[in-house]
Amino acid sequence: MKKILQLVSDDFEDLELWCPVMRLREEGCIVDLVAEKPGMYHGKYGVPCEVTMSFNDINDADYDGVLVPGGWAPDKLRRFPKVLEIVKNMDRDNKLIGQICHAGWVLASAEVLQGRKVTSTPGIRDDLTHAGATWLDQPVVIDGNMVSARRPPDIPEYMNALVQVLKNSAL
């Protein structure tokens, strides 16, 4: 059974957080929601998310991957050294990293994009290319352990790619 971390901060894009959580749980994964501190967080459209663990409560070695939501949450998440450490460790250990829309900001700050192929919302294309990535205008891009998607309409393809990478991983 795979264990996945879903990073949370206020102003996440509601669909980009909840669709992956629900879909991976349907696949039998354990998906733990983690944030700066336990409590209630809200998406851009007001959907609540209760978090019971902080970034510092978890050991990322116990997980098979991490998901970064879009919305404005990534701009907040990338300010936490522990979040950047989690992303770097997941990349180093070739574990799943899922990112959608503005989530690429976290990966750029974690310095894991050099030489990688990714997609995102077009608005952060320059940020990702300046971090060393090759940006592609495609609904979903898979580059090894990294799965990226542009925006909410791409969620069905994003979910299929996340599930495919998890099923094909040797974790």
N, C-alpha and C. Protein backbone atom coordinates (compact mmCIF):
# COMPACT_ATOMS: atom_id res chain seq x y z
N MET A 1 0.84 -1.18 0.00
CA MET A 1 0.00 0.00 0.00
C MET A 1 0.89 1.25 0.00
N LYS A 2 0.67 2.11 -0.95
CA LYS A 2 1.48 3.33 -1.07
C LYS A 2 1.00 4.39 -0.09
N LYS A 3 1.97 5.16 0.43
CA LYS A 3 1.66 6.29 1.32
C LYS A 3 2.13 7.57 0.65
N ILE A 4 1.22 8.53 0.57
CA ILE A 4 1.48 9.78 -0.14
C ILE A 4 1.24 10.96 0.79
N LEU A 5 2.09 11.97 0.69
CA LEU A 5 1.89 13.23 1.40
C LEU A 5 1.19 14.22 0.49
N GLN A 6 0.17 14.88 0.98
CA GLN A 6 -0.46 15.99 0.27
C GLN A 6 -0.15 17.25 1.06
N LEU A 7 0.65 18.15 0.48
CA LEU A 7 0.98 19.40 1.14
C LEU A 7 -0.23 20.33 1.09
N VAL A 8 -0.43 21.08 2.19
CA VAL A 8 -1.60 21.96 2.30
C VAL A 8 -1.18 23.31 2.85
N SER A 9 -1.77 24.36 2.30
CA SER A 9 -1.70 25.71 2.85
C SER A 9 -2.96 26.41 2.37
N ASP A 10 -3.35 27.47 3.05
CA ASP A 10 -4.54 28.21 2.63
C ASP A 10 -4.42 28.65 1.18
N ASP A 11 -5.57 28.80 0.57
CA ASP A 11 -5.70 29.27 -0.82
C ASP A 11 -5.22 28.26 -1.85
N PHE A 12 -5.25 26.94 -1.48
CA PHE A 12 -4.99 25.91 -2.47
C PHE A 12 -6.12 25.94 -3.50
N GLU A 13 -5.84 25.46 -4.69
CA GLU A 13 -6.90 25.33 -5.70
C GLU A 13 -7.68 24.08 -5.32
N ASP A 14 -8.95 24.26 -4.99
CA ASP A 14 -9.76 23.21 -4.39
C ASP A 14 -9.71 21.88 -5.16
N LEU A 15 -9.95 21.93 -6.46
CA LEU A 15 -9.95 20.70 -7.25
C LEU A 15 -8.57 20.07 -7.32
N GLU A 16 -7.53 20.89 -7.37
CA GLU A 16 -6.17 20.38 -7.53
C GLU A 16 -5.66 19.72 -6.25
N LEU A 17 -6.28 19.98 -5.14
CA LEU A 17 -5.94 19.28 -3.90
C LEU A 17 -6.84 18.06 -3.73
N TRP A 18 -8.15 18.26 -3.82
CA TRP A 18 -9.07 17.18 -3.47
C TRP A 18 -9.18 16.07 -4.50
N CYS A 19 -9.11 16.38 -5.78
CA CYS A 19 -9.22 15.31 -6.79
C CYS A 19 -8.09 14.28 -6.65
N PRO A 20 -6.83 14.70 -6.53
CA PRO A 20 -5.76 13.71 -6.33
C PRO A 20 -5.91 12.92 -5.03
N VAL A 21 -6.30 13.60 -3.95
CA VAL A 21 -6.48 12.90 -2.67
C VAL A 21 -7.53 11.80 -2.83
N MET A 22 -8.68 12.16 -3.38
CA MET A 22 -9.76 11.17 -3.50
C MET A 22 -9.40 10.06 -4.47
N ARG A 23 -8.79 10.41 -5.61
CA ARG A 23 -8.46 9.39 -6.62
C ARG A 23 -7.42 8.41 -6.09
N LEU A 24 -6.40 8.90 -5.41
CA LEU A 24 -5.38 7.99 -4.89
C LEU A 24 -5.92 7.15 -3.75
N ARG A 25 -6.82 7.70 -2.96
CA ARG A 25 -7.47 6.89 -1.93
C ARG A 25 -8.32 5.79 -2.58
N GLU A 26 -8.96 6.10 -3.70
CA GLU A 26 -9.72 5.07 -4.43
C GLU A 26 -8.81 3.94 -4.89
N GLU A 27 -7.56 4.27 -5.18
CA GLU A 27 -6.58 3.27 -5.61
C GLU A 27 -6.01 2.47 -4.44
N GLY A 28 -6.42 2.82 -3.21
CA GLY A 28 -5.93 2.11 -2.03
C GLY A 28 -4.74 2.76 -1.35
N CYS A 29 -4.35 3.94 -1.81
CA CYS A 29 -3.23 4.65 -1.18
C CYS A 29 -3.68 5.31 0.13
N ILE A 30 -2.75 5.43 1.03
CA ILE A 30 -2.95 6.27 2.22
C ILE A 30 -2.44 7.64 1.83
N VAL A 31 -3.28 8.66 1.96
CA VAL A 31 -2.88 10.02 1.63
C VAL A 31 -3.02 10.85 2.89
N ASP A 32 -1.89 11.30 3.42
CA ASP A 32 -1.88 12.13 4.63
C ASP A 32 -1.76 13.60 4.25
N LEU A 33 -2.61 14.41 4.84
CA LEU A 33 -2.60 15.86 4.61
C LEU A 33 -1.69 16.49 5.65
N VAL A 34 -0.72 17.31 5.21
CA VAL A 34 0.20 17.94 6.15
C VAL A 34 0.33 19.42 5.81
N ALA A 35 0.50 20.22 6.86
CA ALA A 35 0.61 21.67 6.71
C ALA A 35 1.57 22.21 7.77
N GLU A 36 1.68 23.52 7.80
CA GLU A 36 2.56 24.16 8.79
C GLU A 36 2.21 23.71 10.20
N LYS A 37 0.92 23.63 10.50
CA LYS A 37 0.46 23.16 11.81
C LYS A 37 -0.92 22.54 11.64
N PRO A 38 -1.31 21.65 12.53
CA PRO A 38 -2.66 21.07 12.44
C PRO A 38 -3.72 22.17 12.51
N GLY A 39 -4.83 21.92 11.84
CA GLY A 39 -5.93 22.88 11.86
C GLY A 39 -6.72 22.84 10.58
N MET A 40 -7.59 23.83 10.43
CA MET A 40 -8.47 23.92 9.27
C MET A 40 -7.88 24.91 8.26
N TYR A 41 -7.80 24.48 7.02
CA TYR A 41 -7.32 25.30 5.92
C TYR A 41 -8.44 25.40 4.89
N HIS A 42 -8.39 26.44 4.07
CA HIS A 42 -9.46 26.63 3.09
C HIS A 42 -8.88 26.90 1.71
N GLY A 43 -9.55 26.34 0.71
CA GLY A 43 -9.16 26.56 -0.66
C GLY A 43 -9.61 27.91 -1.17
N LYS A 44 -9.22 28.22 -2.39
CA LYS A 44 -9.57 29.50 -3.02
C LYS A 44 -11.07 29.71 -3.09
N TYR A 45 -11.83 28.63 -3.18
CA TYR A 45 -13.27 28.73 -3.31
C TYR A 45 -13.98 28.34 -2.02
N GLY A 46 -13.22 28.24 -0.93
CA GLY A 46 -13.81 28.03 0.39
C GLY A 46 -13.93 26.60 0.85
N VAL A 47 -13.52 25.64 0.04
CA VAL A 47 -13.63 24.24 0.47
C VAL A 47 -12.64 24.00 1.62
N PRO A 48 -13.13 23.47 2.74
CA PRO A 48 -12.25 23.27 3.89
C PRO A 48 -11.41 22.00 3.77
N CYS A 49 -10.33 22.00 4.51
CA CYS A 49 -9.42 20.86 4.57
C CYS A 49 -8.87 20.79 5.98
N GLU A 50 -9.19 19.73 6.69
CA GLU A 50 -8.67 19.58 8.05
C GLU A 50 -7.36 18.80 8.01
N VAL A 51 -6.35 19.37 8.65
CA VAL A 51 -5.02 18.77 8.69
C VAL A 51 -4.71 18.41 10.13
N THR A 52 -4.20 17.19 10.34
CA THR A 52 -3.89 16.75 11.70
C THR A 52 -2.39 16.64 11.97
N MET A 53 -1.56 16.85 10.93
CA MET A 53 -0.11 16.72 11.11
C MET A 53 0.61 17.93 10.53
N SER A 54 1.69 18.30 11.18
CA SER A 54 2.52 19.39 10.64
C SER A 54 3.66 18.79 9.82
N PHE A 55 4.31 19.66 9.04
CA PHE A 55 5.46 19.22 8.26
C PHE A 55 6.50 18.54 9.15
N ASN A 56 6.66 19.08 10.35
CA ASN A 56 7.68 18.56 11.27
C ASN A 56 7.26 17.27 11.96
N ASP A 57 5.99 16.87 11.85
CA ASP A 57 5.50 15.64 12.47
C ASP A 57 5.79 14.40 11.64
N ILE A 58 6.17 14.58 10.39
CA ILE A 58 6.30 13.43 9.50
C ILE A 58 7.76 13.14 9.19
N ASN A 59 7.99 11.90 8.81
CA ASN A 59 9.29 11.48 8.30
C ASN A 59 9.07 11.13 6.84
N ASP A 60 9.60 11.95 5.94
CA ASP A 60 9.30 11.73 4.53
C ASP A 60 9.80 10.38 4.02
N ALA A 61 10.73 9.75 4.72
CA ALA A 61 11.20 8.42 4.33
C ALA A 61 10.09 7.37 4.43
N ASP A 62 9.05 7.67 5.21
CA ASP A 62 7.92 6.75 5.37
C ASP A 62 6.91 6.84 4.23
N TYR A 63 7.16 7.72 3.26
CA TYR A 63 6.19 7.98 2.20
C TYR A 63 6.77 7.63 0.83
N ASP A 64 5.85 7.33 -0.10
CA ASP A 64 6.21 6.96 -1.46
C ASP A 64 6.08 8.12 -2.45
N GLY A 65 5.61 9.26 -1.97
CA GLY A 65 5.48 10.40 -2.85
C GLY A 65 4.89 11.60 -2.15
N VAL A 66 4.90 12.71 -2.87
CA VAL A 66 4.37 13.97 -2.36
C VAL A 66 3.58 14.65 -3.48
N LEU A 67 2.47 15.27 -3.11
CA LEU A 67 1.65 16.03 -4.04
C LEU A 67 1.65 17.49 -3.62
N VAL A 68 1.83 18.37 -4.58
CA VAL A 68 1.80 19.81 -4.33
C VAL A 68 0.60 20.36 -5.09
N PRO A 69 -0.35 21.00 -4.40
CA PRO A 69 -1.51 21.55 -5.09
C PRO A 69 -1.16 22.88 -5.74
N GLY A 70 -2.04 23.31 -6.61
CA GLY A 70 -1.88 24.64 -7.19
C GLY A 70 -2.63 25.68 -6.38
N GLY A 71 -3.03 26.73 -7.06
CA GLY A 71 -3.64 27.86 -6.37
C GLY A 71 -2.53 28.78 -5.88
N TRP A 72 -2.83 29.51 -4.82
CA TRP A 72 -1.81 30.40 -4.24
C TRP A 72 -1.04 29.71 -3.13
N ALA A 73 -1.45 28.51 -2.74
CA ALA A 73 -0.76 27.77 -1.68
C ALA A 73 0.73 27.54 -1.97
N PRO A 74 1.13 27.23 -3.22
CA PRO A 74 2.55 26.98 -3.45
C PRO A 74 3.45 28.15 -3.09
N ASP A 75 2.96 29.38 -3.28
CA ASP A 75 3.77 30.54 -2.91
C ASP A 75 4.01 30.59 -1.42
N LYS A 76 3.09 30.06 -0.63
CA LYS A 76 3.26 29.98 0.82
C LYS A 76 4.11 28.77 1.20
N LEU A 77 3.81 27.63 0.57
CA LEU A 77 4.51 26.39 0.91
C LEU A 77 6.01 26.48 0.68
N ARG A 78 6.43 27.17 -0.37
CA ARG A 78 7.86 27.21 -0.69
C ARG A 78 8.67 28.02 0.30
N ARG A 79 8.03 28.66 1.22
CA ARG A 79 8.73 29.45 2.24
C ARG A 79 9.14 28.62 3.45
N PHE A 80 8.71 27.36 3.50
CA PHE A 80 9.03 26.49 4.63
C PHE A 80 10.22 25.59 4.28
N PRO A 81 11.34 25.73 4.98
CA PRO A 81 12.50 24.88 4.71
C PRO A 81 12.16 23.38 4.75
N LYS A 82 11.26 22.98 5.65
CA LYS A 82 10.91 21.57 5.75
C LYS A 82 10.21 21.08 4.48
N VAL A 83 9.37 21.92 3.87
CA VAL A 83 8.71 21.54 2.61
C VAL A 83 9.75 21.33 1.52
N LEU A 84 10.71 22.24 1.43
CA LEU A 84 11.76 22.11 0.40
C LEU A 84 12.60 20.86 0.65
N GLU A 85 12.86 20.56 1.91
CA GLU A 85 13.61 19.34 2.27
C GLU A 85 12.83 18.09 1.84
N ILE A 86 11.52 18.08 2.10
CA ILE A 86 10.68 16.94 1.71
C ILE A 86 10.76 16.72 0.20
N VAL A 87 10.58 17.79 -0.57
CA VAL A 87 10.60 17.68 -2.03
C VAL A 87 11.98 17.22 -2.52
N LYS A 88 13.05 17.79 -1.97
CA LYS A 88 14.40 17.37 -2.36
C LYS A 88 14.62 15.89 -2.06
N ASN A 89 14.19 15.45 -0.88
CA ASN A 89 14.38 14.05 -0.51
C ASN A 89 13.57 13.11 -1.40
N MET A 90 12.35 13.50 -1.72
CA MET A 90 11.53 12.67 -2.61
C MET A 90 12.20 12.55 -3.98
N ASP A 91 12.73 13.65 -4.47
CA ASP A 91 13.40 13.61 -5.77
C ASP A 91 14.67 12.77 -5.69
N ARG A 92 15.47 12.98 -4.67
CA ARG A 92 16.71 12.21 -4.50
C ARG A 92 16.43 10.71 -4.45
N ASP A 93 15.33 10.33 -3.79
CA ASP A 93 14.99 8.92 -3.62
C ASP A 93 14.11 8.39 -4.75
N ASN A 94 13.93 9.20 -5.81
CA ASN A 94 13.16 8.81 -6.99
C ASN A 94 11.72 8.42 -6.65
N LYS A 95 11.13 9.15 -5.71
CA LYS A 95 9.74 8.92 -5.32
C LYS A 95 8.85 9.91 -6.06
N LEU A 96 7.59 9.56 -6.16
CA LEU A 96 6.62 10.37 -6.90
C LEU A 96 6.57 11.81 -6.39
N ILE A 97 6.63 12.75 -7.32
CA ILE A 97 6.36 14.16 -7.04
C ILE A 97 5.29 14.58 -8.03
N GLY A 98 4.11 14.92 -7.51
CA GLY A 98 3.02 15.39 -8.34
C GLY A 98 2.85 16.89 -8.15
N GLN A 99 2.76 17.60 -9.27
CA GLN A 99 2.59 19.05 -9.21
C GLN A 99 1.62 19.48 -10.28
N ILE A 100 0.78 20.46 -9.94
CA ILE A 100 -0.19 20.96 -10.90
C ILE A 100 -0.32 22.48 -10.78
N CYS A 101 -0.45 23.13 -11.91
CA CYS A 101 -0.70 24.56 -12.00
C CYS A 101 0.47 25.37 -11.43
N HIS A 102 0.26 26.09 -10.33
CA HIS A 102 1.31 26.92 -9.71
C HIS A 102 2.24 26.11 -8.80
N ALA A 103 2.01 24.81 -8.65
CA ALA A 103 2.81 23.99 -7.75
C ALA A 103 4.29 23.99 -8.11
N GLY A 104 4.59 24.25 -9.37
CA GLY A 104 5.99 24.27 -9.81
C GLY A 104 6.84 25.27 -9.05
N TRP A 105 6.23 26.29 -8.46
CA TRP A 105 6.99 27.23 -7.64
C TRP A 105 7.73 26.51 -6.52
N VAL A 106 7.08 25.52 -5.91
CA VAL A 106 7.71 24.78 -4.81
C VAL A 106 8.92 24.00 -5.34
N LEU A 107 8.77 23.37 -6.49
CA LEU A 107 9.87 22.60 -7.05
C LEU A 107 11.02 23.49 -7.48
N ALA A 108 10.70 24.67 -8.00
CA ALA A 108 11.76 25.62 -8.36
C ALA A 108 12.53 26.04 -7.11
N SER A 109 11.83 26.34 -6.04
CA SER A 109 12.50 26.74 -4.80
C SER A 109 13.29 25.60 -4.17
N ALA A 110 12.84 24.36 -4.40
CA ALA A 110 13.56 23.19 -3.89
C ALA A 110 14.75 22.83 -4.77
N GLU A 111 14.89 23.51 -5.89
CA GLU A 111 16.01 23.30 -6.81
C GLU A 111 16.10 21.87 -7.34
N VAL A 112 14.93 21.35 -7.78
CA VAL A 112 14.91 19.99 -8.33
C VAL A 112 14.51 19.95 -9.81
N LEU A 113 14.49 21.11 -10.46
CA LEU A 113 14.01 21.17 -11.84
C LEU A 113 15.10 21.17 -12.91
N GLN A 114 16.34 21.29 -12.52
CA GLN A 114 17.44 21.36 -13.50
C GLN A 114 17.41 20.15 -14.42
N GLY A 115 17.27 20.40 -15.72
CA GLY A 115 17.29 19.32 -16.71
C GLY A 115 16.01 18.51 -16.81
N ARG A 116 14.96 18.91 -16.11
CA ARG A 116 13.70 18.16 -16.11
C ARG A 116 12.72 18.76 -17.12
N LYS A 117 11.78 17.94 -17.57
CA LYS A 117 10.69 18.38 -18.43
C LYS A 117 9.44 18.48 -17.57
N VAL A 118 8.76 19.63 -17.66
CA VAL A 118 7.56 19.87 -16.86
C VAL A 118 6.56 20.70 -17.64
N THR A 119 5.36 20.76 -17.09
CA THR A 119 4.36 21.70 -17.53
C THR A 119 3.78 22.38 -16.30
N SER A 120 2.98 23.40 -16.54
CA SER A 120 2.37 24.17 -15.45
C SER A 120 1.38 25.14 -16.08
N THR A 121 0.77 25.95 -15.26
CA THR A 121 0.02 27.05 -15.81
C THR A 121 1.03 27.93 -16.57
N PRO A 122 0.66 28.44 -17.74
CA PRO A 122 1.62 29.25 -18.50
C PRO A 122 2.19 30.44 -17.73
N GLY A 123 1.46 30.92 -16.74
CA GLY A 123 1.91 32.09 -16.00
C GLY A 123 3.21 31.92 -15.24
N ILE A 124 3.62 30.66 -14.95
CA ILE A 124 4.89 30.46 -14.24
C ILE A 124 5.93 29.76 -15.11
N ARG A 125 5.67 29.72 -16.40
CA ARG A 125 6.63 29.10 -17.34
C ARG A 125 8.03 29.68 -17.15
N ASP A 126 8.14 31.00 -17.10
CA ASP A 126 9.47 31.62 -16.96
C ASP A 126 10.15 31.21 -15.67
N ASP A 127 9.40 31.11 -14.58
CA ASP A 127 9.99 30.70 -13.30
C ASP A 127 10.60 29.30 -13.41
N LEU A 128 9.88 28.42 -14.10
CA LEU A 128 10.35 27.04 -14.21
C LEU A 128 11.54 26.92 -15.16
N THR A 129 11.51 27.66 -16.26
CA THR A 129 12.66 27.60 -17.17
C THR A 129 13.88 28.26 -16.54
N HIS A 130 13.70 29.31 -15.78
CA HIS A 130 14.83 29.93 -15.07
C HIS A 130 15.41 28.99 -14.01
N ALA A 131 14.59 28.05 -13.53
CA ALA A 131 15.06 27.05 -12.56
C ALA A 131 15.71 25.86 -13.26
N GLY A 132 15.79 25.91 -14.60
CA GLY A 132 16.51 24.88 -15.34
C GLY A 132 15.64 23.84 -16.03
N ALA A 133 14.32 23.98 -15.97
CA ALA A 133 13.43 23.00 -16.59
C ALA A 133 13.17 23.34 -18.04
N THR A 134 12.78 22.33 -18.79
CA THR A 134 12.24 22.52 -20.13
C THR A 134 10.72 22.49 -19.97
N TRP A 135 10.07 23.59 -20.31
CA TRP A 135 8.62 23.72 -20.13
C TRP A 135 7.91 23.32 -21.41
N LEU A 136 6.90 22.46 -21.27
CA LEU A 136 6.12 21.98 -22.41
C LEU A 136 4.65 22.36 -22.23
N ASP A 137 4.03 22.83 -23.26
CA ASP A 137 2.61 23.19 -23.20
C ASP A 137 1.79 21.95 -23.56
N GLN A 138 1.69 21.05 -22.58
CA GLN A 138 0.95 19.80 -22.72
C GLN A 138 0.10 19.63 -21.47
N PRO A 139 -1.00 18.90 -21.56
CA PRO A 139 -1.84 18.70 -20.37
C PRO A 139 -1.08 18.07 -19.21
N VAL A 140 -0.25 17.07 -19.52
CA VAL A 140 0.51 16.35 -18.49
C VAL A 140 1.88 16.02 -19.05
N VAL A 141 2.88 16.11 -18.18
CA VAL A 141 4.24 15.70 -18.55
C VAL A 141 4.75 14.76 -17.46
N ILE A 142 5.25 13.62 -17.88
CA ILE A 142 5.89 12.68 -16.96
C ILE A 142 7.37 12.70 -17.28
N ASP A 143 8.18 12.97 -16.26
CA ASP A 143 9.64 12.92 -16.39
C ASP A 143 10.15 12.09 -15.22
N GLY A 144 10.28 10.80 -15.44
CA GLY A 144 10.71 9.90 -14.36
C GLY A 144 9.69 9.88 -13.24
N ASN A 145 10.13 10.30 -12.05
CA ASN A 145 9.27 10.31 -10.87
C ASN A 145 8.38 11.55 -10.77
N MET A 146 8.57 12.49 -11.68
CA MET A 146 7.87 13.77 -11.61
C MET A 146 6.71 13.80 -12.60
N VAL A 147 5.52 14.12 -12.08
CA VAL A 147 4.32 14.23 -12.91
C VAL A 147 3.80 15.64 -12.75
N SER A 148 3.64 16.36 -13.86
CA SER A 148 3.14 17.73 -13.79
C SER A 148 1.95 17.91 -14.72
N ALA A 149 1.07 18.85 -14.34
CA ALA A 149 -0.10 19.16 -15.15
C ALA A 149 -0.32 20.66 -15.14
N ARG A 150 -1.07 21.14 -16.15
CA ARG A 150 -1.24 22.59 -16.31
C ARG A 150 -2.28 23.20 -15.39
N ARG A 151 -3.50 22.65 -15.36
CA ARG A 151 -4.60 23.34 -14.67
C ARG A 151 -5.77 22.37 -14.47
N PRO A 152 -6.84 22.80 -13.77
CA PRO A 152 -7.95 21.89 -13.46
C PRO A 152 -8.53 21.09 -14.63
N PRO A 153 -8.71 21.65 -15.83
CA PRO A 153 -9.25 20.80 -16.90
C PRO A 153 -8.37 19.59 -17.25
N ASP A 154 -7.10 19.62 -16.83
CA ASP A 154 -6.19 18.51 -17.11
C ASP A 154 -6.18 17.45 -16.00
N ILE A 155 -7.00 17.62 -14.98
CA ILE A 155 -6.98 16.70 -13.83
C ILE A 155 -7.22 15.25 -14.24
N PRO A 156 -8.15 14.91 -15.13
CA PRO A 156 -8.30 13.49 -15.47
C PRO A 156 -7.01 12.86 -16.01
N GLU A 157 -6.32 13.57 -16.91
CA GLU A 157 -5.05 13.04 -17.43
C GLU A 157 -3.98 13.01 -16.35
N TYR A 158 -3.97 14.03 -15.49
CA TYR A 158 -3.02 14.10 -14.37
C TYR A 158 -3.20 12.90 -13.45
N MET A 159 -4.46 12.59 -13.12
CA MET A 159 -4.72 11.47 -12.22
C MET A 159 -4.28 10.15 -12.85
N ASN A 160 -4.58 9.96 -14.13
CA ASN A 160 -4.14 8.73 -14.81
C ASN A 160 -2.62 8.61 -14.77
N ALA A 161 -1.92 9.72 -14.97
CA ALA A 161 -0.45 9.69 -14.95
C ALA A 161 0.08 9.40 -13.55
N LEU A 162 -0.51 10.01 -12.52
CA LEU A 162 -0.06 9.73 -11.15
C LEU A 162 -0.23 8.25 -10.81
N VAL A 163 -1.39 7.70 -11.14
CA VAL A 163 -1.65 6.29 -10.86
C VAL A 163 -0.68 5.40 -11.64
N GLN A 164 -0.44 5.74 -12.91
CA GLN A 164 0.49 4.96 -13.74
C GLN A 164 1.89 4.96 -13.13
N VAL A 165 2.39 6.12 -12.73
CA VAL A 165 3.74 6.20 -12.15
C VAL A 165 3.81 5.42 -10.85
N LEU A 166 2.78 5.53 -10.01
CA LEU A 166 2.79 4.77 -8.76
C LEU A 166 2.77 3.26 -9.02
N LYS A 167 1.95 2.83 -9.95
CA LYS A 167 1.87 1.39 -10.25
C LYS A 167 3.14 0.85 -10.86
N ASN A 168 3.86 1.70 -11.62
CA ASN A 168 5.10 1.25 -12.26
C ASN A 168 6.32 1.42 -11.38
N SER A 169 6.17 2.08 -10.24
CA SER A 169 7.34 2.32 -9.38
C SER A 169 7.70 1.04 -8.64
N ALA A 170 8.95 0.94 -8.31
CA ALA A 170 9.43 -0.24 -7.58
C ALA A 170 9.38 -0.01 -6.08
N LEU A 171 8.69 1.03 -5.65
CA LEU A 171 8.64 1.35 -4.22
C LEU A 171 7.89 0.30 -3.45
